[in-house]
């Protein structure tokens, strides 16, 4: 029984790490696509929800949600997801891929503080120490604490993205116990698209070129629909804070992808922040009690 439980947990970790690798690549699209953050976020969830819907139709999978209150919660989760995607992309466009992903990596701190309140889990010193180390990694990257500094504004928006994603992660932990990851992802992505649609129509910002549409398709299907499904599925067997700390590796992947594909060389501050975050994730996983 213990071996089977460990095997299931390893598969959950593999799913989360695969999702995080794809999430790390997603940040680069904020540079590649010639649209603002709102338009990219809308295109992302639009293509993602269509892909997930087709997946369920072709696989003859049901769209039914057990309770009406769950549908309302999924709609709320979709609104939070829309806020997260917009803030994450805006953070990168205001600063750099490295800074945007580093700032977003602070979300495990919010998960660690919120999870005990929602799931009645004990708040361990080990988890708090890891989350605070991640936050320190983010603080190290701040060049100047001034609203006139574009980089600082990008970091603040990134923190908003992190807070939104922390709340979403905790909500998805509850959905994972009742629904498969693809169904949860479909409702959240579709809800996000519907919520962003009025803002896109009002601003008239969604005018993609053909290359932009191709990039949005990849962003929506591969780095969003597939990645989001893998991440939610992994939550079935992992504590939310463990999955959250794994997600801090998105920072490492994002910086490496930006270096290799965009030529963005990280500053010394960003390297130090990245090392602090990576160290916190590795130490947390290596010292994780078996009972979790």
C-alpha atoms as a PDB file:
ATOM      1  CA  UNK A   1       0.000   0.000   0.000  1.00  0.00           C
ATOM      2  CA  UNK A   2       2.839   2.358   0.921  1.00  0.00           C
ATOM      3  CA  UNK A   3       4.633   1.676  -2.382  1.00  0.00           C
ATOM      4  CA  UNK A   4       1.473   2.398  -4.366  1.00  0.00           C
ATOM      5  CA  UNK A   5       0.909   5.637  -2.468  1.00  0.00           C
ATOM      6  CA  UNK A   6       4.503   6.715  -3.163  1.00  0.00           C
ATOM      7  CA  UNK A   7       4.091   5.855  -6.854  1.00  0.00           C
ATOM      8  CA  UNK A   8       0.909   7.933  -7.103  1.00  0.00           C
ATOM      9  CA  UNK A   9       2.645  10.820  -5.385  1.00  0.00           C
ATOM     10  CA  UNK A  10       5.606  10.599  -7.793  1.00  0.00           C
ATOM     11  CA  UNK A  11       3.210  10.769 -10.743  1.00  0.00           C
ATOM     12  CA  UNK A  12       1.595  13.817  -9.175  1.00  0.00           C
ATOM     13  CA  UNK A  13       4.992  15.479  -8.800  1.00  0.00           C
ATOM     14  CA  UNK A  14       5.874  14.608 -12.406  1.00  0.00           C
ATOM     15  CA  UNK A  15       2.609  16.172 -13.621  1.00  0.00           C
ATOM     16  CA  UNK A  16       3.227  19.354 -11.646  1.00  0.00           C
ATOM     17  CA  UNK A  17       6.846  19.655 -12.789  1.00  0.00           C
ATOM     18  CA  UNK A  18       5.817  19.116 -16.421  1.00  0.00           C
ATOM     19  CA  UNK A  19       3.210  21.837 -16.068  1.00  0.00           C
ATOM     20  CA  UNK A  20       5.705  24.208 -14.467  1.00  0.00           C
ATOM     21  CA  UNK A  21       8.179  23.671 -17.327  1.00  0.00           C
ATOM     22  CA  UNK A  22       5.482  24.723 -19.801  1.00  0.00           C
ATOM     23  CA  UNK A  23       4.464  27.660 -17.595  1.00  0.00           C
ATOM     24  CA  UNK A  24       8.090  28.810 -17.671  1.00  0.00           C
ATOM     25  CA  UNK A  25       7.968  28.948 -21.455  1.00  0.00           C
ATOM     26  CA  UNK A  26       4.682  30.868 -21.452  1.00  0.00           C
ATOM     27  CA  UNK A  27       6.223  34.116 -20.227  1.00  0.00           C
ATOM     28  CA  UNK A  28       8.232  34.513 -23.434  1.00  0.00           C
ATOM     29  CA  UNK A  29       5.041  34.960 -25.454  1.00  0.00           C
ATOM     30  CA  UNK A  30       4.556  38.355 -23.790  1.00  0.00           C
ATOM     31  CA  UNK A  31       7.626  39.407 -25.804  1.00  0.00           C
ATOM     32  CA  UNK A  32       6.930  37.480 -28.999  1.00  0.00           C
ATOM     33  CA  UNK A  33       3.315  38.603 -29.493  1.00  0.00           C
ATOM     34  CA  UNK A  34       2.821  42.229 -30.593  1.00  0.00           C
ATOM     35  CA  UNK A  35      -0.245  42.827 -28.404  1.00  0.00           C
ATOM     36  CA  UNK A  36      -0.787  44.257 -24.939  1.00  0.00           C
ATOM     37  CA  UNK A  37      -1.219  42.079 -21.842  1.00  0.00           C
ATOM     38  CA  UNK A  38      -5.036  42.211 -21.918  1.00  0.00           C
ATOM     39  CA  UNK A  39      -5.226  41.019 -25.525  1.00  0.00           C
ATOM     40  CA  UNK A  40      -2.684  38.243 -24.982  1.00  0.00           C
ATOM     41  CA  UNK A  41      -4.467  37.053 -21.840  1.00  0.00           C
ATOM     42  CA  UNK A  42      -7.775  36.953 -23.737  1.00  0.00           C
ATOM     43  CA  UNK A  43      -6.308  35.065 -26.702  1.00  0.00           C
ATOM     44  CA  UNK A  44      -4.626  32.654 -24.314  1.00  0.00           C
ATOM     45  CA  UNK A  45      -7.783  31.636 -22.445  1.00  0.00           C
ATOM     46  CA  UNK A  46      -9.889  31.704 -25.624  1.00  0.00           C
ATOM     47  CA  UNK A  47      -7.750  29.151 -27.456  1.00  0.00           C
ATOM     48  CA  UNK A  48      -7.228  27.168 -24.281  1.00  0.00           C
ATOM     49  CA  UNK A  49     -10.943  26.834 -23.532  1.00  0.00           C
ATOM     50  CA  UNK A  50     -11.726  25.877 -27.151  1.00  0.00           C
ATOM     51  CA  UNK A  51      -9.007  23.195 -27.067  1.00  0.00           C
ATOM     52  CA  UNK A  52     -10.239  21.796 -23.769  1.00  0.00           C
ATOM     53  CA  UNK A  53     -13.851  21.840 -24.970  1.00  0.00           C
ATOM     54  CA  UNK A  54     -12.952  19.959 -28.166  1.00  0.00           C
ATOM     55  CA  UNK A  55     -10.941  17.461 -26.126  1.00  0.00           C
ATOM     56  CA  UNK A  56     -14.000  16.654 -24.030  1.00  0.00           C
ATOM     57  CA  UNK A  57     -16.333  16.486 -27.030  1.00  0.00           C
ATOM     58  CA  UNK A  58     -14.062  14.178 -29.039  1.00  0.00           C
ATOM     59  CA  UNK A  59     -13.445  12.013 -26.002  1.00  0.00           C
ATOM     60  CA  UNK A  60     -17.185  11.962 -25.272  1.00  0.00           C
ATOM     61  CA  UNK A  61     -16.535  13.228 -21.770  1.00  0.00           C
ATOM     62  CA  UNK A  62     -19.299  14.868 -19.779  1.00  0.00           C
ATOM     63  CA  UNK A  63     -19.388  18.600 -19.056  1.00  0.00           C
ATOM     64  CA  UNK A  64     -21.693  18.118 -16.091  1.00  0.00           C
ATOM     65  CA  UNK A  65     -20.850  19.698 -12.748  1.00  0.00           C
ATOM     66  CA  UNK A  66     -22.246  17.913  -9.686  1.00  0.00           C
ATOM     67  CA  UNK A  67     -23.624  20.972  -7.873  1.00  0.00           C
ATOM     68  CA  UNK A  68     -24.700  24.467  -8.914  1.00  0.00           C
ATOM     69  CA  UNK A  69     -22.557  25.987  -6.180  1.00  0.00           C
ATOM     70  CA  UNK A  70     -19.524  24.301  -7.767  1.00  0.00           C
ATOM     71  CA  UNK A  71     -20.356  25.986 -11.073  1.00  0.00           C
ATOM     72  CA  UNK A  72     -20.463  29.353  -9.331  1.00  0.00           C
ATOM     73  CA  UNK A  73     -17.129  28.635  -7.665  1.00  0.00           C
ATOM     74  CA  UNK A  74     -15.632  27.703 -11.028  1.00  0.00           C
ATOM     75  CA  UNK A  75     -16.857  31.007 -12.471  1.00  0.00           C
ATOM     76  CA  UNK A  76     -15.207  32.862  -9.587  1.00  0.00           C
ATOM     77  CA  UNK A  77     -12.036  30.847 -10.163  1.00  0.00           C
ATOM     78  CA  UNK A  78     -12.170  31.885 -13.820  1.00  0.00           C
ATOM     79  CA  UNK A  79     -12.298  35.556 -12.806  1.00  0.00           C
ATOM     80  CA  UNK A  80      -9.271  35.062 -10.561  1.00  0.00           C
ATOM     81  CA  UNK A  81      -7.467  33.259 -13.395  1.00  0.00           C
ATOM     82  CA  UNK A  82      -8.188  36.164 -15.758  1.00  0.00           C
ATOM     83  CA  UNK A  83      -6.684  38.584 -13.235  1.00  0.00           C
ATOM     84  CA  UNK A  84      -3.652  36.344 -12.801  1.00  0.00           C
ATOM     85  CA  UNK A  85      -2.904  35.983 -16.525  1.00  0.00           C
ATOM     86  CA  UNK A  86      -3.317  39.710 -17.188  1.00  0.00           C
ATOM     87  CA  UNK A  87      -1.115  40.709 -14.234  1.00  0.00           C
ATOM     88  CA  UNK A  88       1.558  38.120 -15.075  1.00  0.00           C
ATOM     89  CA  UNK A  89       1.848  39.229 -18.703  1.00  0.00           C
ATOM     90  CA  UNK A  90       1.703  42.930 -17.764  1.00  0.00           C
ATOM     91  CA  UNK A  91       4.492  42.390 -15.242  1.00  0.00           C
ATOM     92  CA  UNK A  92       6.745  40.899 -17.927  1.00  0.00           C
ATOM     93  CA  UNK A  93       5.960  43.687 -20.394  1.00  0.00           C
ATOM     94  CA  UNK A  94       6.742  46.307 -17.744  1.00  0.00           C
ATOM     95  CA  UNK A  95      10.001  44.663 -16.711  1.00  0.00           C
ATOM     96  CA  UNK A  96      11.639  41.476 -18.057  1.00  0.00           C
ATOM     97  CA  UNK A  97      10.788  37.788 -18.288  1.00  0.00           C
ATOM     98  CA  UNK A  98      13.200  37.108 -15.427  1.00  0.00           C
ATOM     99  CA  UNK A  99      11.705  39.747 -13.117  1.00  0.00           C
ATOM    100  CA  UNK A 100       8.129  38.812 -14.028  1.00  0.00           C
ATOM    101  CA  UNK A 101       8.641  35.128 -13.264  1.00  0.00           C
ATOM    102  CA  UNK A 102      10.743  35.833 -10.163  1.00  0.00           C
ATOM    103  CA  UNK A 103       8.011  38.039  -8.721  1.00  0.00           C
ATOM    104  CA  UNK A 104       5.302  35.523  -9.557  1.00  0.00           C
ATOM    105  CA  UNK A 105       7.358  32.878  -7.723  1.00  0.00           C
ATOM    106  CA  UNK A 106       6.408  34.539  -4.429  1.00  0.00           C
ATOM    107  CA  UNK A 107       2.936  32.978  -4.623  1.00  0.00           C
ATOM    108  CA  UNK A 108       3.877  29.966  -2.450  1.00  0.00           C
ATOM    109  CA  UNK A 109       4.244  32.449   0.408  1.00  0.00           C
ATOM    110  CA  UNK A 110       0.567  33.365   0.017  1.00  0.00           C
ATOM    111  CA  UNK A 111      -0.372  29.666  -0.316  1.00  0.00           C
ATOM    112  CA  UNK A 112       1.540  28.798   2.854  1.00  0.00           C
ATOM    113  CA  UNK A 113      -0.228  31.509   4.836  1.00  0.00           C
ATOM    114  CA  UNK A 114      -3.722  30.908   3.416  1.00  0.00           C
ATOM    115  CA  UNK A 115      -3.857  27.098   3.249  1.00  0.00           C
ATOM    116  CA  UNK A 116      -4.088  26.480   7.031  1.00  0.00           C
ATOM    117  CA  UNK A 117      -7.092  28.814   7.192  1.00  0.00           C
ATOM    118  CA  UNK A 118      -8.966  27.067   4.365  1.00  0.00           C
ATOM    119  CA  UNK A 119      -7.935  23.408   4.788  1.00  0.00           C
ATOM    120  CA  UNK A 120      -7.151  23.323   8.524  1.00  0.00           C
ATOM    121  CA  UNK A 121      -3.601  22.159   7.914  1.00  0.00           C
ATOM    122  CA  UNK A 122      -0.859  22.797  10.448  1.00  0.00           C
ATOM    123  CA  UNK A 123       1.402  25.700   9.504  1.00  0.00           C
ATOM    124  CA  UNK A 124       4.908  24.224   9.721  1.00  0.00           C
ATOM    125  CA  UNK A 125       8.031  26.252  10.401  1.00  0.00           C
ATOM    126  CA  UNK A 126       9.696  24.448   7.483  1.00  0.00           C
ATOM    127  CA  UNK A 127       7.096  25.662   4.983  1.00  0.00           C
ATOM    128  CA  UNK A 128       7.133  29.209   6.342  1.00  0.00           C
ATOM    129  CA  UNK A 129      10.942  29.312   6.126  1.00  0.00           C
ATOM    130  CA  UNK A 130      10.857  28.078   2.517  1.00  0.00           C
ATOM    131  CA  UNK A 131       8.198  30.615   1.507  1.00  0.00           C
ATOM    132  CA  UNK A 132      10.077  33.479   3.185  1.00  0.00           C
ATOM    133  CA  UNK A 133      13.270  32.450   1.402  1.00  0.00           C
ATOM    134  CA  UNK A 134      11.361  32.638  -1.879  1.00  0.00           C
ATOM    135  CA  UNK A 135      10.133  36.110  -0.949  1.00  0.00           C
ATOM    136  CA  UNK A 136      13.701  37.140  -0.131  1.00  0.00           C
ATOM    137  CA  UNK A 137      14.691  35.949  -3.595  1.00  0.00           C
ATOM    138  CA  UNK A 138      12.107  38.308  -5.055  1.00  0.00           C
ATOM    139  CA  UNK A 139      13.132  41.275  -2.872  1.00  0.00           C
ATOM    140  CA  UNK A 140      16.754  40.897  -3.950  1.00  0.00           C
ATOM    141  CA  UNK A 141      15.728  41.647  -7.555  1.00  0.00           C
ATOM    142  CA  UNK A 142      14.114  45.020  -6.757  1.00  0.00           C
ATOM    143  CA  UNK A 143      16.384  47.767  -8.222  1.00  0.00           C
ATOM    144  CA  UNK A 144      14.615  50.728  -6.570  1.00  0.00           C
ATOM    145  CA  UNK A 145      11.513  51.016  -4.375  1.00  0.00           C
ATOM    146  CA  UNK A 146       9.893  53.821  -6.362  1.00  0.00           C
ATOM    147  CA  UNK A 147       6.660  53.984  -8.350  1.00  0.00           C
ATOM    148  CA  UNK A 148       8.503  55.999 -10.973  1.00  0.00           C
ATOM    149  CA  UNK A 149      10.689  52.970 -11.631  1.00  0.00           C
ATOM    150  CA  UNK A 150       9.148  50.833 -14.386  1.00  0.00           C
ATOM    151  CA  UNK A 151      10.799  47.695 -12.996  1.00  0.00           C
ATOM    152  CA  UNK A 152       9.313  48.313  -9.551  1.00  0.00           C
ATOM    153  CA  UNK A 153       5.836  48.718 -11.040  1.00  0.00           C
ATOM    154  CA  UNK A 154       6.337  45.440 -12.874  1.00  0.00           C
ATOM    155  CA  UNK A 155       7.231  43.736  -9.595  1.00  0.00           C
ATOM    156  CA  UNK A 156       4.119  45.101  -7.862  1.00  0.00           C
ATOM    157  CA  UNK A 157       1.879  43.837 -10.667  1.00  0.00           C
ATOM    158  CA  UNK A 158       3.743  40.516 -10.465  1.00  0.00           C
ATOM    159  CA  UNK A 159       2.901  40.281  -6.763  1.00  0.00           C
ATOM    160  CA  UNK A 160      -0.768  40.814  -7.641  1.00  0.00           C
ATOM    161  CA  UNK A 161      -0.424  37.948 -10.113  1.00  0.00           C
ATOM    162  CA  UNK A 162       1.140  35.811  -7.380  1.00  0.00           C
ATOM    163  CA  UNK A 163      -1.647  36.527  -4.895  1.00  0.00           C
ATOM    164  CA  UNK A 164      -4.320  35.699  -7.491  1.00  0.00           C
ATOM    165  CA  UNK A 165      -2.602  32.433  -8.401  1.00  0.00           C
ATOM    166  CA  UNK A 166      -2.251  31.451  -4.731  1.00  0.00           C
ATOM    167  CA  UNK A 167      -6.009  31.807  -4.247  1.00  0.00           C
ATOM    168  CA  UNK A 168      -6.619  29.896  -7.482  1.00  0.00           C
ATOM    169  CA  UNK A 169      -4.292  27.070  -6.400  1.00  0.00           C
ATOM    170  CA  UNK A 170      -6.174  26.638  -3.136  1.00  0.00           C
ATOM    171  CA  UNK A 171      -9.527  26.656  -4.935  1.00  0.00           C
ATOM    172  CA  UNK A 172      -8.230  24.056  -7.409  1.00  0.00           C
ATOM    173  CA  UNK A 173      -7.172  21.845  -4.514  1.00  0.00           C
ATOM    174  CA  UNK A 174     -10.850  21.611  -3.611  1.00  0.00           C
ATOM    175  CA  UNK A 175     -11.959  21.012  -7.212  1.00  0.00           C
ATOM    176  CA  UNK A 176      -9.332  18.271  -7.661  1.00  0.00           C
ATOM    177  CA  UNK A 177     -11.069  16.119  -5.072  1.00  0.00           C
ATOM    178  CA  UNK A 178     -14.304  16.093  -7.118  1.00  0.00           C
ATOM    179  CA  UNK A 179     -13.466  16.640 -10.803  1.00  0.00           C
ATOM    180  CA  UNK A 180     -10.792  15.703 -13.304  1.00  0.00           C
ATOM    181  CA  UNK A 181      -8.223  18.357 -14.124  1.00  0.00           C
ATOM    182  CA  UNK A 182      -9.354  18.872 -17.720  1.00  0.00           C
ATOM    183  CA  UNK A 183     -12.960  19.648 -16.694  1.00  0.00           C
ATOM    184  CA  UNK A 184     -11.883  22.138 -14.037  1.00  0.00           C
ATOM    185  CA  UNK A 185      -9.460  23.759 -16.469  1.00  0.00           C
ATOM    186  CA  UNK A 186     -12.158  24.033 -19.162  1.00  0.00           C
ATOM    187  CA  UNK A 187     -14.621  25.868 -16.931  1.00  0.00           C
ATOM    188  CA  UNK A 188     -11.943  28.171 -15.529  1.00  0.00           C
ATOM    189  CA  UNK A 189     -10.452  29.033 -18.924  1.00  0.00           C
ATOM    190  CA  UNK A 190     -13.879  29.528 -20.548  1.00  0.00           C
ATOM    191  CA  UNK A 191     -15.017  31.718 -17.647  1.00  0.00           C
ATOM    192  CA  UNK A 192     -11.837  33.787 -17.901  1.00  0.00           C
ATOM    193  CA  UNK A 193     -12.442  34.297 -21.637  1.00  0.00           C
ATOM    194  CA  UNK A 194     -16.019  35.461 -21.038  1.00  0.00           C
ATOM    195  CA  UNK A 195     -14.925  37.830 -18.272  1.00  0.00           C
ATOM    196  CA  UNK A 196     -12.145  39.368 -20.382  1.00  0.00           C
ATOM    197  CA  UNK A 197     -14.299  39.678 -23.526  1.00  0.00           C
ATOM    198  CA  UNK A 198     -16.114  42.951 -22.564  1.00  0.00           C
ATOM    199  CA  UNK A 199     -12.805  44.623 -21.668  1.00  0.00           C
ATOM    200  CA  UNK A 200     -11.265  43.510 -24.968  1.00  0.00           C
ATOM    201  CA  UNK A 201     -14.257  44.747 -26.980  1.00  0.00           C
ATOM    202  CA  UNK A 202     -14.309  48.083 -25.175  1.00  0.00           C
ATOM    203  CA  UNK A 203     -10.598  48.724 -25.685  1.00  0.00           C
ATOM    204  CA  UNK A 204     -10.437  47.247 -29.203  1.00  0.00           C
ATOM    205  CA  UNK A 205      -6.992  45.881 -28.388  1.00  0.00           C
ATOM    206  CA  UNK A 206      -7.443  42.381 -29.851  1.00  0.00           C
ATOM    207  CA  UNK A 207      -6.192  42.826 -33.426  1.00  0.00           C
ATOM    208  CA  UNK A 208      -3.709  39.982 -33.918  1.00  0.00           C
ATOM    209  CA  UNK A 209      -1.764  39.405 -37.115  1.00  0.00           C
ATOM    210  CA  UNK A 210      -1.562  35.904 -38.597  1.00  0.00           C
ATOM    211  CA  UNK A 211       1.788  35.194 -36.841  1.00  0.00           C
ATOM    212  CA  UNK A 212       0.262  36.476 -33.591  1.00  0.00           C
ATOM    213  CA  UNK A 213      -2.651  34.052 -33.992  1.00  0.00           C
ATOM    214  CA  UNK A 214      -0.231  31.161 -34.468  1.00  0.00           C
ATOM    215  CA  UNK A 215       1.654  32.117 -31.320  1.00  0.00           C
ATOM    216  CA  UNK A 216      -1.587  32.552 -29.377  1.00  0.00           C
ATOM    217  CA  UNK A 217      -2.643  29.070 -30.502  1.00  0.00           C
ATOM    218  CA  UNK A 218       0.548  27.535 -29.100  1.00  0.00           C
ATOM    219  CA  UNK A 219       0.279  29.643 -25.951  1.00  0.00           C
ATOM    220  CA  UNK A 220      -3.338  28.641 -25.392  1.00  0.00           C
ATOM    221  CA  UNK A 221      -3.188  24.944 -26.281  1.00  0.00           C
ATOM    222  CA  UNK A 222       0.268  23.824 -25.120  1.00  0.00           C
ATOM    223  CA  UNK A 223       1.405  26.161 -22.351  1.00  0.00           C
ATOM    224  CA  UNK A 224      -2.080  26.787 -20.971  1.00  0.00           C
ATOM    225  CA  UNK A 225      -4.636  24.014 -21.670  1.00  0.00           C
ATOM    226  CA  UNK A 226      -2.161  21.145 -21.337  1.00  0.00           C
ATOM    227  CA  UNK A 227      -0.105  22.737 -18.558  1.00  0.00           C
ATOM    228  CA  UNK A 228      -3.135  23.830 -16.520  1.00  0.00           C
ATOM    229  CA  UNK A 229      -4.662  20.328 -16.779  1.00  0.00           C
ATOM    230  CA  UNK A 230      -1.416  18.681 -15.649  1.00  0.00           C
ATOM    231  CA  UNK A 231      -1.076  21.058 -12.715  1.00  0.00           C
ATOM    232  CA  UNK A 232      -4.641  20.556 -11.463  1.00  0.00           C
ATOM    233  CA  UNK A 233      -4.299  16.782 -11.861  1.00  0.00           C
ATOM    234  CA  UNK A 234      -1.133  16.850  -9.772  1.00  0.00           C
ATOM    235  CA  UNK A 235      -3.020  18.574  -6.955  1.00  0.00           C
ATOM    236  CA  UNK A 236      -5.027  15.370  -6.440  1.00  0.00           C
ATOM    237  CA  UNK A 237      -2.053  13.750  -4.693  1.00  0.00           C
ATOM    238  CA  UNK A 238      -0.043  16.719  -3.412  1.00  0.00           C
ATOM    239  CA  UNK A 239      -0.570  19.337  -0.688  1.00  0.00           C
ATOM    240  CA  UNK A 240      -1.241  22.715  -2.287  1.00  0.00           C
ATOM    241  CA  UNK A 241       1.844  24.273  -0.691  1.00  0.00           C
ATOM    242  CA  UNK A 242       4.079  21.495  -2.082  1.00  0.00           C
ATOM    243  CA  UNK A 243       2.717  22.079  -5.579  1.00  0.00           C
ATOM    244  CA  UNK A 244       3.148  25.798  -4.989  1.00  0.00           C
ATOM    245  CA  UNK A 245       6.785  25.460  -4.038  1.00  0.00           C
ATOM    246  CA  UNK A 246       7.401  23.239  -7.076  1.00  0.00           C
ATOM    247  CA  UNK A 247       5.939  26.043  -9.157  1.00  0.00           C
ATOM    248  CA  UNK A 248       8.708  28.337  -7.995  1.00  0.00           C
ATOM    249  CA  UNK A 249      10.882  26.453 -10.490  1.00  0.00           C
ATOM    250  CA  UNK A 250       8.963  28.333 -13.191  1.00  0.00           C
ATOM    251  CA  UNK A 251      11.349  31.157 -12.397  1.00  0.00           C
ATOM    252  CA  UNK A 252      14.389  29.051 -13.235  1.00  0.00           C
ATOM    253  CA  UNK A 253      12.848  27.760 -16.450  1.00  0.00           C
ATOM    254  CA  UNK A 254      11.675  31.238 -17.443  1.00  0.00           C
ATOM    255  CA  UNK A 255      15.122  32.783 -16.984  1.00  0.00           C
ATOM    256  CA  UNK A 256      16.819  29.963 -18.917  1.00  0.00           C
ATOM    257  CA  UNK A 257      14.303  30.166 -21.781  1.00  0.00           C
ATOM    258  CA  UNK A 258      14.631  33.970 -21.900  1.00  0.00           C
ATOM    259  CA  UNK A 259      18.415  33.652 -22.040  1.00  0.00           C
ATOM    260  CA  UNK A 260      18.407  31.011 -24.776  1.00  0.00           C
ATOM    261  CA  UNK A 261      15.501  32.264 -26.911  1.00  0.00           C
ATOM    262  CA  UNK A 262      15.370  36.025 -26.276  1.00  0.00           C
ATOM    263  CA  UNK A 263      18.970  36.793 -25.379  1.00  0.00           C
ATOM    264  CA  UNK A 264      17.888  38.369 -22.056  1.00  0.00           C
ATOM    265  CA  UNK A 265      20.943  38.026 -19.825  1.00  0.00           C
ATOM    266  CA  UNK A 266      19.899  38.017 -16.144  1.00  0.00           C
ATOM    267  CA  UNK A 267      21.490  40.539 -13.812  1.00  0.00           C
ATOM    268  CA  UNK A 268      23.449  39.500 -10.731  1.00  0.00           C
ATOM    269  CA  UNK A 269      20.419  40.383  -8.602  1.00  0.00           C
ATOM    270  CA  UNK A 270      18.217  38.077 -10.688  1.00  0.00           C
ATOM    271  CA  UNK A 271      20.740  35.238 -10.494  1.00  0.00           C
ATOM    272  CA  UNK A 272      20.934  35.523  -6.699  1.00  0.00           C
ATOM    273  CA  UNK A 273      17.145  35.615  -6.448  1.00  0.00           C
ATOM    274  CA  UNK A 274      16.865  32.592  -8.719  1.00  0.00           C
ATOM    275  CA  UNK A 275      19.373  30.629  -6.598  1.00  0.00           C
ATOM    276  CA  UNK A 276      17.505  31.474  -3.387  1.00  0.00           C
ATOM    277  CA  UNK A 277      14.215  30.299  -4.899  1.00  0.00           C
ATOM    278  CA  UNK A 278      15.672  27.109  -6.359  1.00  0.00           C
ATOM    279  CA  UNK A 279      17.394  26.329  -3.058  1.00  0.00           C
ATOM    280  CA  UNK A 280      14.168  26.805  -1.105  1.00  0.00           C
ATOM    281  CA  UNK A 281      12.267  24.446  -3.426  1.00  0.00           C
ATOM    282  CA  UNK A 282      14.921  21.709  -3.308  1.00  0.00           C
ATOM    283  CA  UNK A 283      15.361  21.869   0.476  1.00  0.00           C
ATOM    284  CA  UNK A 284      11.593  21.788   1.012  1.00  0.00           C
ATOM    285  CA  UNK A 285      11.139  18.716  -1.156  1.00  0.00           C
ATOM    286  CA  UNK A 286      14.164  16.850   0.254  1.00  0.00           C
ATOM    287  CA  UNK A 287      12.994  17.420   3.842  1.00  0.00           C
ATOM    288  CA  UNK A 288       9.280  16.779   3.203  1.00  0.00           C
ATOM    289  CA  UNK A 289       7.804  14.457   5.869  1.00  0.00           C
ATOM    290  CA  UNK A 290       6.385  11.177   4.558  1.00  0.00           C
ATOM    291  CA  UNK A 291       3.002  11.795   6.148  1.00  0.00           C
ATOM    292  CA  UNK A 292       2.282  14.730   3.833  1.00  0.00           C
END
